[in-house]
Amino acid sequence: MIELLTANTPNGKKISIMLEEIEFKYKVTKVNIFKNEQFDPKFRALSPFSKIPVIVDHENNESLFESGAILIYLGEK
């Protein structure tokens, strides 16, 4: 399963649209950027630049940040 950590932004929406289109099973975890949740140490462990979106592929135990890289990863998967 893919976990999508995101906020309601255009880059965040791109990933959820892709996941819907390729029909992958996924879970959304909201990151409230207005409360600075992107600076939480747990989140920064996944996204060192504190940017959303991030995906965690629990099947392969990998995480990836940056929307373009995530789209390429999902397309190849």
PDB file of N, CA and C in Angstrom:
ATOM      1  N   MET A   1       0.843  -1.174   0.000  1.00  0.00           N
ATOM      2  CA  MET A   1       0.000   0.000   0.000  1.00  0.00           C
ATOM      3  C   MET A   1       0.893   1.244   0.000  1.00  0.00           C
ATOM      4  N   ILE A   2       0.408   2.281  -0.646  1.00  0.00           N
ATOM      5  CA  ILE A   2       1.085   3.571  -0.707  1.00  0.00           C
ATOM      6  C   ILE A   2       0.433   4.497   0.315  1.00  0.00           C
ATOM      7  N   GLU A   3       1.247   5.171   1.110  1.00  0.00           N
ATOM      8  CA  GLU A   3       0.747   6.216   2.003  1.00  0.00           C
ATOM      9  C   GLU A   3       1.169   7.554   1.423  1.00  0.00           C
ATOM     10  N   LEU A   4       0.210   8.419   1.227  1.00  0.00           N
ATOM     11  CA  LEU A   4       0.451   9.747   0.678  1.00  0.00           C
ATOM     12  C   LEU A   4       0.333  10.766   1.796  1.00  0.00           C
ATOM     13  N   LEU A   5       1.433  11.449   2.073  1.00  0.00           N
ATOM     14  CA  LEU A   5       1.438  12.524   3.063  1.00  0.00           C
ATOM     15  C   LEU A   5       1.371  13.820   2.273  1.00  0.00           C
ATOM     16  N   THR A   6       0.298  14.580   2.460  1.00  0.00           N
ATOM     17  CA  THR A   6       0.051  15.712   1.589  1.00  0.00           C
ATOM     18  C   THR A   6      -0.791  16.782   2.258  1.00  0.00           C
ATOM     19  N   ALA A   7      -0.877  17.902   1.586  1.00  0.00           N
ATOM     20  CA  ALA A   7      -1.759  18.999   1.970  1.00  0.00           C
ATOM     21  C   ALA A   7      -2.611  19.324   0.747  1.00  0.00           C
ATOM     22  N   ASN A   8      -3.565  20.200   0.919  1.00  0.00           N
ATOM     23  CA  ASN A   8      -4.470  20.567  -0.170  1.00  0.00           C
ATOM     24  C   ASN A   8      -3.797  21.620  -1.066  1.00  0.00           C
ATOM     25  N   THR A   9      -2.832  21.158  -1.853  1.00  0.00           N
ATOM     26  CA  THR A   9      -2.088  22.019  -2.772  1.00  0.00           C
ATOM     27  C   THR A   9      -2.097  21.370  -4.151  1.00  0.00           C
ATOM     28  N   PRO A  10      -1.795  22.113  -5.200  1.00  0.00           N
ATOM     29  CA  PRO A  10      -1.762  21.501  -6.538  1.00  0.00           C
ATOM     30  C   PRO A  10      -0.794  20.317  -6.634  1.00  0.00           C
ATOM     31  N   ASN A  11       0.399  20.448  -6.075  1.00  0.00           N
ATOM     32  CA  ASN A  11       1.343  19.332  -6.137  1.00  0.00           C
ATOM     33  C   ASN A  11       0.844  18.128  -5.354  1.00  0.00           C
ATOM     34  N   GLY A  12       0.181  18.375  -4.253  1.00  0.00           N
ATOM     35  CA  GLY A  12      -0.395  17.275  -3.488  1.00  0.00           C
ATOM     36  C   GLY A  12      -1.514  16.573  -4.236  1.00  0.00           C
ATOM     37  N   LYS A  13      -2.319  17.340  -4.935  1.00  0.00           N
ATOM     38  CA  LYS A  13      -3.444  16.763  -5.694  1.00  0.00           C
ATOM     39  C   LYS A  13      -2.967  15.926  -6.873  1.00  0.00           C
ATOM     40  N   LYS A  14      -1.849  16.316  -7.490  1.00  0.00           N
ATOM     41  CA  LYS A  14      -1.322  15.557  -8.636  1.00  0.00           C
ATOM     42  C   LYS A  14      -1.123  14.090  -8.273  1.00  0.00           C
ATOM     43  N   ILE A  15      -0.593  13.850  -7.090  1.00  0.00           N
ATOM     44  CA  ILE A  15      -0.275  12.482  -6.695  1.00  0.00           C
ATOM     45  C   ILE A  15      -1.546  11.682  -6.438  1.00  0.00           C
ATOM     46  N   SER A  16      -2.520  12.288  -5.766  1.00  0.00           N
ATOM     47  CA  SER A  16      -3.769  11.549  -5.516  1.00  0.00           C
ATOM     48  C   SER A  16      -4.499  11.257  -6.819  1.00  0.00           C
ATOM     49  N   ILE A  17      -4.429  12.163  -7.779  1.00  0.00           N
ATOM     50  CA  ILE A  17      -5.038  11.913  -9.086  1.00  0.00           C
ATOM     51  C   ILE A  17      -4.353  10.734  -9.772  1.00  0.00           C
ATOM     52  N   MET A  18      -3.018  10.728  -9.736  1.00  0.00           N
ATOM     53  CA  MET A  18      -2.263   9.619 -10.344  1.00  0.00           C
ATOM     54  C   MET A  18      -2.611   8.299  -9.670  1.00  0.00           C
ATOM     55  N   LEU A  19      -2.660   8.292  -8.342  1.00  0.00           N
ATOM     56  CA  LEU A  19      -2.993   7.056  -7.630  1.00  0.00           C
ATOM     57  C   LEU A  19      -4.386   6.558  -7.987  1.00  0.00           C
ATOM     58  N   GLU A  20      -5.330   7.458  -8.153  1.00  0.00           N
ATOM     59  CA  GLU A  20      -6.678   7.066  -8.579  1.00  0.00           C
ATOM     60  C   GLU A  20      -6.649   6.491  -9.997  1.00  0.00           C
ATOM     61  N   GLU A  21      -5.934   7.150 -10.880  1.00  0.00           N
ATOM     62  CA  GLU A  21      -5.894   6.714 -12.283  1.00  0.00           C
ATOM     63  C   GLU A  21      -5.262   5.339 -12.452  1.00  0.00           C
ATOM     64  N   ILE A  22      -4.210   5.053 -11.678  1.00  0.00           N
ATOM     65  CA  ILE A  22      -3.551   3.753 -11.820  1.00  0.00           C
ATOM     66  C   ILE A  22      -4.146   2.707 -10.888  1.00  0.00           C
ATOM     67  N   GLU A  23      -5.151   3.135 -10.105  1.00  0.00           N
ATOM     68  CA  GLU A  23      -5.935   2.250  -9.247  1.00  0.00           C
ATOM     69  C   GLU A  23      -5.094   1.519  -8.204  1.00  0.00           C
ATOM     70  N   PHE A  24      -4.119   2.216  -7.631  1.00  0.00           N
ATOM     71  CA  PHE A  24      -3.346   1.653  -6.531  1.00  0.00           C
ATOM     72  C   PHE A  24      -4.120   1.861  -5.239  1.00  0.00           C
ATOM     73  N   LYS A  25      -3.959   0.922  -4.325  1.00  0.00           N
ATOM     74  CA  LYS A  25      -4.529   1.078  -2.997  1.00  0.00           C
ATOM     75  C   LYS A  25      -3.633   2.061  -2.249  1.00  0.00           C
ATOM     76  N   TYR A  26      -4.258   3.092  -1.659  1.00  0.00           N
ATOM     77  CA  TYR A  26      -3.467   4.091  -0.946  1.00  0.00           C
ATOM     78  C   TYR A  26      -4.242   4.688   0.212  1.00  0.00           C
ATOM     79  N   LYS A  27      -3.473   5.298   1.092  1.00  0.00           N
ATOM     80  CA  LYS A  27      -4.014   5.964   2.279  1.00  0.00           C
ATOM     81  C   LYS A  27      -3.482   7.385   2.278  1.00  0.00           C
ATOM     82  N   VAL A  28      -4.319   8.344   2.632  1.00  0.00           N
ATOM     83  CA  VAL A  28      -3.908   9.746   2.687  1.00  0.00           C
ATOM     84  C   VAL A  28      -3.719  10.163   4.146  1.00  0.00           C
ATOM     85  N   THR A  29      -2.571  10.760   4.407  1.00  0.00           N
ATOM     86  CA  THR A  29      -2.295  11.361   5.699  1.00  0.00           C
ATOM     87  C   THR A  29      -2.115  12.849   5.459  1.00  0.00           C
ATOM     88  N   LYS A  30      -2.986  13.648   6.043  1.00  0.00           N
ATOM     89  CA  LYS A  30      -2.937  15.096   5.851  1.00  0.00           C
ATOM     90  C   LYS A  30      -1.817  15.716   6.674  1.00  0.00           C
ATOM     91  N   VAL A  31      -1.114  16.654   6.061  1.00  0.00           N
ATOM     92  CA  VAL A  31      -0.073  17.435   6.720  1.00  0.00           C
ATOM     93  C   VAL A  31      -0.562  18.880   6.722  1.00  0.00           C
ATOM     94  N   ASN A  32      -0.778  19.428   7.898  1.00  0.00           N
ATOM     95  CA  ASN A  32      -1.295  20.787   8.002  1.00  0.00           C
ATOM     96  C   ASN A  32      -0.127  21.774   7.917  1.00  0.00           C
ATOM     97  N   ILE A  33       0.080  22.319   6.731  1.00  0.00           N
ATOM     98  CA  ILE A  33       1.199  23.240   6.527  1.00  0.00           C
ATOM     99  C   ILE A  33       0.956  24.591   7.195  1.00  0.00           C
ATOM    100  N   PHE A  34      -0.277  24.885   7.551  1.00  0.00           N
ATOM    101  CA  PHE A  34      -0.583  26.131   8.247  1.00  0.00           C
ATOM    102  C   PHE A  34      -0.241  26.057   9.738  1.00  0.00           C
ATOM    103  N   LYS A  35      -0.064  24.840  10.230  1.00  0.00           N
ATOM    104  CA  LYS A  35       0.367  24.627  11.621  1.00  0.00           C
ATOM    105  C   LYS A  35       1.820  24.141  11.666  1.00  0.00           C
ATOM    106  N   ASN A  36       2.520  24.279  10.528  1.00  0.00           N
ATOM    107  CA  ASN A  36       3.941  23.919  10.421  1.00  0.00           C
ATOM    108  C   ASN A  36       4.241  22.445  10.704  1.00  0.00           C
ATOM    109  N   GLU A  37       3.268  21.570  10.435  1.00  0.00           N
ATOM    110  CA  GLU A  37       3.494  20.142  10.653  1.00  0.00           C
ATOM    111  C   GLU A  37       4.587  19.580   9.744  1.00  0.00           C
ATOM    112  N   GLN A  38       4.886  20.273   8.658  1.00  0.00           N
ATOM    113  CA  GLN A  38       5.932  19.807   7.743  1.00  0.00           C
ATOM    114  C   GLN A  38       7.329  19.938   8.362  1.00  0.00           C
ATOM    115  N   PHE A  39       7.430  20.648   9.477  1.00  0.00           N
ATOM    116  CA  PHE A  39       8.724  20.796  10.152  1.00  0.00           C
ATOM    117  C   PHE A  39       8.912  19.817  11.304  1.00  0.00           C
ATOM    118  N   ASP A  40       7.928  18.971  11.530  1.00  0.00           N
ATOM    119  CA  ASP A  40       8.030  17.940  12.559  1.00  0.00           C
ATOM    120  C   ASP A  40       9.197  17.004  12.219  1.00  0.00           C
ATOM    121  N   PRO A  41      10.004  16.619  13.187  1.00  0.00           N
ATOM    122  CA  PRO A  41      11.156  15.748  12.903  1.00  0.00           C
ATOM    123  C   PRO A  41      10.796  14.438  12.198  1.00  0.00           C
ATOM    124  N   LYS A  42       9.639  13.862  12.523  1.00  0.00           N
ATOM    125  CA  LYS A  42       9.224  12.622  11.841  1.00  0.00           C
ATOM    126  C   LYS A  42       8.981  12.875  10.358  1.00  0.00           C
ATOM    127  N   PHE A  43       8.345  14.002  10.054  1.00  0.00           N
ATOM    128  CA  PHE A  43       8.094  14.327   8.656  1.00  0.00           C
ATOM    129  C   PHE A  43       9.395  14.662   7.947  1.00  0.00           C
ATOM    130  N   ARG A  44      10.270  15.394   8.607  1.00  0.00           N
ATOM    131  CA  ARG A  44      11.560  15.773   7.998  1.00  0.00           C
ATOM    132  C   ARG A  44      12.435  14.557   7.733  1.00  0.00           C
ATOM    133  N   ALA A  45      12.220  13.472   8.457  1.00  0.00           N
ATOM    134  CA  ALA A  45      12.956  12.239   8.177  1.00  0.00           C
ATOM    135  C   ALA A  45      12.571  11.684   6.802  1.00  0.00           C
ATOM    136  N   LEU A  46      11.342  11.966   6.372  1.00  0.00           N
ATOM    137  CA  LEU A  46      10.864  11.529   5.060  1.00  0.00           C
ATOM    138  C   LEU A  46      11.130  12.556   3.979  1.00  0.00           C
ATOM    139  N   SER A  47      11.048  13.829   4.345  1.00  0.00           N
ATOM    140  CA  SER A  47      11.205  14.927   3.405  1.00  0.00           C
ATOM    141  C   SER A  47      12.168  15.959   4.009  1.00  0.00           C
ATOM    142  N   PRO A  48      13.460  15.819   3.736  1.00  0.00           N
ATOM    143  CA  PRO A  48      14.457  16.667   4.393  1.00  0.00           C
ATOM    144  C   PRO A  48      14.279  18.171   4.164  1.00  0.00           C
ATOM    145  N   PHE A  49      13.608  18.559   3.078  1.00  0.00           N
ATOM    146  CA  PHE A  49      13.380  19.967   2.799  1.00  0.00           C
ATOM    147  C   PHE A  49      12.015  20.443   3.291  1.00  0.00           C
ATOM    148  N   SER A  50      11.322  19.581   4.037  1.00  0.00           N
ATOM    149  CA  SER A  50      10.002  19.891   4.623  1.00  0.00           C
ATOM    150  C   SER A  50       8.960  20.230   3.574  1.00  0.00           C
ATOM    151  N   LYS A  51       8.991  19.550   2.446  1.00  0.00           N
ATOM    152  CA  LYS A  51       8.049  19.804   1.353  1.00  0.00           C
ATOM    153  C   LYS A  51       7.071  18.649   1.230  1.00  0.00           C
ATOM    154  N   ILE A  52       5.868  18.984   0.814  1.00  0.00           N
ATOM    155  CA  ILE A  52       4.883  17.958   0.482  1.00  0.00           C
ATOM    156  C   ILE A  52       4.751  17.949  -1.039  1.00  0.00           C
ATOM    157  N   PRO A  53       4.329  16.866  -1.621  1.00  0.00           N
ATOM    158  CA  PRO A  53       3.900  15.600  -1.050  1.00  0.00           C
ATOM    159  C   PRO A  53       5.075  14.645  -0.822  1.00  0.00           C
ATOM    160  N   VAL A  54       4.765  13.603  -0.058  1.00  0.00           N
ATOM    161  CA  VAL A  54       5.680  12.495   0.194  1.00  0.00           C
ATOM    162  C   VAL A  54       4.859  11.228   0.066  1.00  0.00           C
ATOM    163  N   ILE A  55       5.456  10.185  -0.497  1.00  0.00           N
ATOM    164  CA  ILE A  55       4.794   8.883  -0.444  1.00  0.00           C
ATOM    165  C   ILE A  55       5.690   7.911   0.310  1.00  0.00           C
ATOM    166  N   VAL A  56       5.045   6.968   0.969  1.00  0.00           N
ATOM    167  CA  VAL A  56       5.735   5.843   1.579  1.00  0.00           C
ATOM    168  C   VAL A  56       5.140   4.602   0.938  1.00  0.00           C
ATOM    169  N   ASP A  57       5.992   3.843   0.248  1.00  0.00           N
ATOM    170  CA  ASP A  57       5.564   2.588  -0.367  1.00  0.00           C
ATOM    171  C   ASP A  57       5.843   1.493   0.655  1.00  0.00           C
ATOM    172  N   HIS A  58       4.805   1.099   1.376  1.00  0.00           N
ATOM    173  CA  HIS A  58       4.969   0.122   2.449  1.00  0.00           C
ATOM    174  C   HIS A  58       5.308  -1.265   1.899  1.00  0.00           C
ATOM    175  N   GLU A  59       4.981  -1.520   0.659  1.00  0.00           N
ATOM    176  CA  GLU A  59       5.310  -2.804   0.029  1.00  0.00           C
ATOM    177  C   GLU A  59       6.825  -2.950  -0.146  1.00  0.00           C
ATOM    178  N   ASN A  60       7.486  -1.867  -0.561  1.00  0.00           N
ATOM    179  CA  ASN A  60       8.935  -1.890  -0.799  1.00  0.00           C
ATOM    180  C   ASN A  60       9.720  -1.193   0.300  1.00  0.00           C
ATOM    181  N   ASN A  61       9.013  -0.689   1.320  1.00  0.00           N
ATOM    182  CA  ASN A  61       9.628   0.035   2.426  1.00  0.00           C
ATOM    183  C   ASN A  61      10.512   1.182   1.939  1.00  0.00           C
ATOM    184  N   GLU A  62       9.969   1.984   1.007  1.00  0.00           N
ATOM    185  CA  GLU A  62      10.668   3.136   0.457  1.00  0.00           C
ATOM    186  C   GLU A  62       9.823   4.385   0.648  1.00  0.00           C
ATOM    187  N   SER A  63      10.494   5.519   0.784  1.00  0.00           N
ATOM    188  CA  SER A  63       9.782   6.790   0.786  1.00  0.00           C
ATOM    189  C   SER A  63      10.392   7.684  -0.271  1.00  0.00           C
ATOM    190  N   LEU A  64       9.576   8.597  -0.778  1.00  0.00           N
ATOM    191  CA  LEU A  64       9.994   9.461  -1.869  1.00  0.00           C
ATOM    192  C   LEU A  64       9.292  10.803  -1.736  1.00  0.00           C
ATOM    193  N   PHE A  65      10.023  11.871  -2.021  1.00  0.00           N
ATOM    194  CA  PHE A  65       9.435  13.208  -1.995  1.00  0.00           C
ATOM    195  C   PHE A  65       9.678  13.868  -3.335  1.00  0.00           C
ATOM    196  N   GLU A  66       9.042  15.013  -3.557  1.00  0.00           N
ATOM    197  CA  GLU A  66       9.095  15.788  -4.806  1.00  0.00           C
ATOM    198  C   GLU A  66       8.091  15.188  -5.800  1.00  0.00           C
ATOM    199  N   SER A  67       7.078  15.970  -6.159  1.00  0.00           N
ATOM    200  CA  SER A  67       5.946  15.450  -6.939  1.00  0.00           C
ATOM    201  C   SER A  67       6.363  14.842  -8.275  1.00  0.00           C
ATOM    202  N   GLY A  68       7.307  15.458  -8.984  1.00  0.00           N
ATOM    203  CA  GLY A  68       7.742  14.891 -10.264  1.00  0.00           C
ATOM    204  C   GLY A  68       8.380  13.529 -10.095  1.00  0.00           C
ATOM    205  N   ALA A  69       9.231  13.384  -9.095  1.00  0.00           N
ATOM    206  CA  ALA A  69       9.883  12.096  -8.827  1.00  0.00           C
ATOM    207  C   ALA A  69       8.859  11.047  -8.416  1.00  0.00           C
ATOM    208  N   ILE A  70       7.873  11.460  -7.627  1.00  0.00           N
ATOM    209  CA  ILE A  70       6.829  10.522  -7.203  1.00  0.00           C
ATOM    210  C   ILE A  70       6.023  10.040  -8.406  1.00  0.00           C
ATOM    211  N   LEU A  71       5.667  10.955  -9.303  1.00  0.00           N
ATOM    212  CA  LEU A  71       4.891  10.568 -10.496  1.00  0.00           C
ATOM    213  C   LEU A  71       5.673   9.585 -11.363  1.00  0.00           C
ATOM    214  N   ILE A  72       6.959   9.813 -11.532  1.00  0.00           N
ATOM    215  CA  ILE A  72       7.794   8.886 -12.313  1.00  0.00           C
ATOM    216  C   ILE A  72       7.835   7.537 -11.628  1.00  0.00           C
ATOM    217  N   TYR A  73       8.034   7.526 -10.313  1.00  0.00           N
ATOM    218  CA  TYR A  73       8.089   6.272  -9.545  1.00  0.00           C
ATOM    219  C   TYR A  73       6.795   5.486  -9.709  1.00  0.00           C
ATOM    220  N   LEU A  74       5.667   6.168  -9.541  1.00  0.00           N
ATOM    221  CA  LEU A  74       4.376   5.483  -9.656  1.00  0.00           C
ATOM    222  C   LEU A  74       4.142   4.989 -11.077  1.00  0.00           C
ATOM    223  N   GLY A  75       4.524   5.777 -12.079  1.00  0.00           N
ATOM    224  CA  GLY A  75       4.361   5.358 -13.464  1.00  0.00           C
ATOM    225  C   GLY A  75       5.175   4.119 -13.794  1.00  0.00           C
ATOM    226  N   GLU A  76       6.388   4.061 -13.259  1.00  0.00           N
ATOM    227  CA  GLU A  76       7.238   2.898 -13.518  1.00  0.00           C
ATOM    228  C   GLU A  76       6.789   1.676 -12.728  1.00  0.00           C
ATOM    229  N   LYS A  77       6.216   1.907 -11.562  1.00  0.00           N
ATOM    230  CA  LYS A  77       5.745   0.793 -10.724  1.00  0.00           C
ATOM    231  C   LYS A  77       4.528   0.148 -11.343  1.00  0.00           C
TER     232      LYS A  77
END
